[in-house]
Amino acid sequence: MSTVPVRSKGKTIASYASYNGTAMATPHVTGAAALYAAYHPGTTAAQIKAAILNSTTPTWSLSGKTLTGGRLNVLTY
């Protein structure tokens, strides 16, 4: 679920919608990269990418669907 703007009675209000794909993943991965960079000052973009890709949690339903076959896990940094 993500917050989305919705027009109601001429006003813009907050609502929720469900999406999938990179549109939903990008904010999470960006946040993970920012957290890693904050805890590991001086790391390069390549190092951050490697850390994210190497710390995924294997998930059988993602096997063959994602580069790593797993899901993002920031707890393993």
Protein backbone atom coordinates (compact mmCIF):
# COMPACT_ATOMS: atom_id res chain seq x y z
CA MET A 1 0.00 0.00 0.00
CA SER A 2 1.11 3.53 -0.73
CA THR A 3 -0.34 6.93 -0.13
CA VAL A 4 -1.81 8.61 -3.19
CA PRO A 5 -3.61 11.91 -3.80
CA VAL A 6 -7.30 11.63 -4.66
CA ARG A 7 -9.73 14.38 -5.71
CA SER A 8 -12.91 14.45 -3.65
CA LYS A 9 -15.49 17.21 -3.79
CA GLY A 10 -12.97 19.54 -5.42
CA LYS A 11 -10.29 18.94 -2.81
CA THR A 12 -7.21 16.78 -2.86
CA ILE A 13 -7.19 14.28 -0.03
CA ALA A 14 -4.87 11.44 0.94
CA SER A 15 -5.86 7.89 0.15
CA TYR A 16 -4.19 4.52 -0.33
CA ALA A 17 -3.62 2.31 -3.35
CA SER A 18 -1.89 -0.97 -4.06
CA TYR A 19 0.69 -1.15 -6.83
CA ASN A 20 3.50 -3.51 -7.72
CA GLY A 21 6.80 -3.38 -9.54
CA THR A 22 9.59 -0.86 -9.50
CA ALA A 23 7.27 2.04 -8.71
CA MET A 24 6.74 0.57 -5.26
CA ALA A 25 10.22 -0.90 -4.76
CA THR A 26 12.22 2.22 -5.60
CA PRO A 27 11.36 4.21 -2.43
CA HIS A 28 12.23 1.23 -0.23
CA VAL A 29 15.57 0.57 -1.92
CA THR A 30 16.40 4.28 -1.89
CA GLY A 31 15.69 4.39 1.83
CA ALA A 32 17.84 1.31 2.39
CA ALA A 33 20.70 2.92 0.46
CA ALA A 34 20.38 6.09 2.53
CA LEU A 35 20.41 4.10 5.78
CA TYR A 36 23.48 2.17 4.69
CA ALA A 37 25.30 5.35 3.67
CA ALA A 38 24.42 6.98 7.00
CA TYR A 39 25.87 4.06 8.97
CA HIS A 40 28.86 3.55 6.65
CA PRO A 41 30.17 7.02 5.73
CA GLY A 42 32.52 7.13 2.77
CA THR A 43 31.15 4.08 0.99
CA THR A 44 30.80 4.23 -2.76
CA ALA A 45 27.61 3.67 -4.71
CA ALA A 46 28.99 0.32 -5.89
CA GLN A 47 29.66 -0.74 -2.29
CA ILE A 48 26.16 0.25 -1.22
CA LYS A 49 24.65 -1.67 -4.13
CA ALA A 50 26.70 -4.75 -3.27
CA ALA A 51 25.69 -4.52 0.40
CA ILE A 52 22.01 -4.32 -0.51
CA LEU A 53 22.20 -7.20 -3.00
CA ASN A 54 24.23 -9.37 -0.62
CA SER A 55 21.94 -8.89 2.37
CA THR A 56 18.63 -10.00 0.90
CA THR A 57 16.54 -12.63 2.59
CA PRO A 58 16.08 -15.64 0.28
CA THR A 59 12.40 -15.96 -0.61
CA TRP A 60 11.23 -18.99 -2.60
CA SER A 61 8.41 -17.11 -4.33
CA LEU A 62 10.95 -14.61 -5.73
CA SER A 63 13.32 -17.24 -7.11
CA GLY A 64 13.84 -16.47 -10.79
CA LYS A 65 11.84 -13.25 -10.50
CA THR A 66 14.44 -10.98 -8.92
CA LEU A 67 18.17 -10.61 -9.36
CA THR A 68 18.88 -12.10 -5.94
CA GLY A 69 15.88 -14.36 -5.49
CA GLY A 70 15.22 -12.57 -2.23
CA ARG A 71 13.68 -9.56 -0.57
CA LEU A 72 15.24 -6.44 0.84
CA ASN A 73 16.53 -6.82 4.40
CA VAL A 74 18.10 -3.80 6.07
CA LEU A 75 18.54 -5.58 9.40
CA THR A 76 21.56 -7.51 8.13
CA TYR A 77 23.74 -4.45 7.48
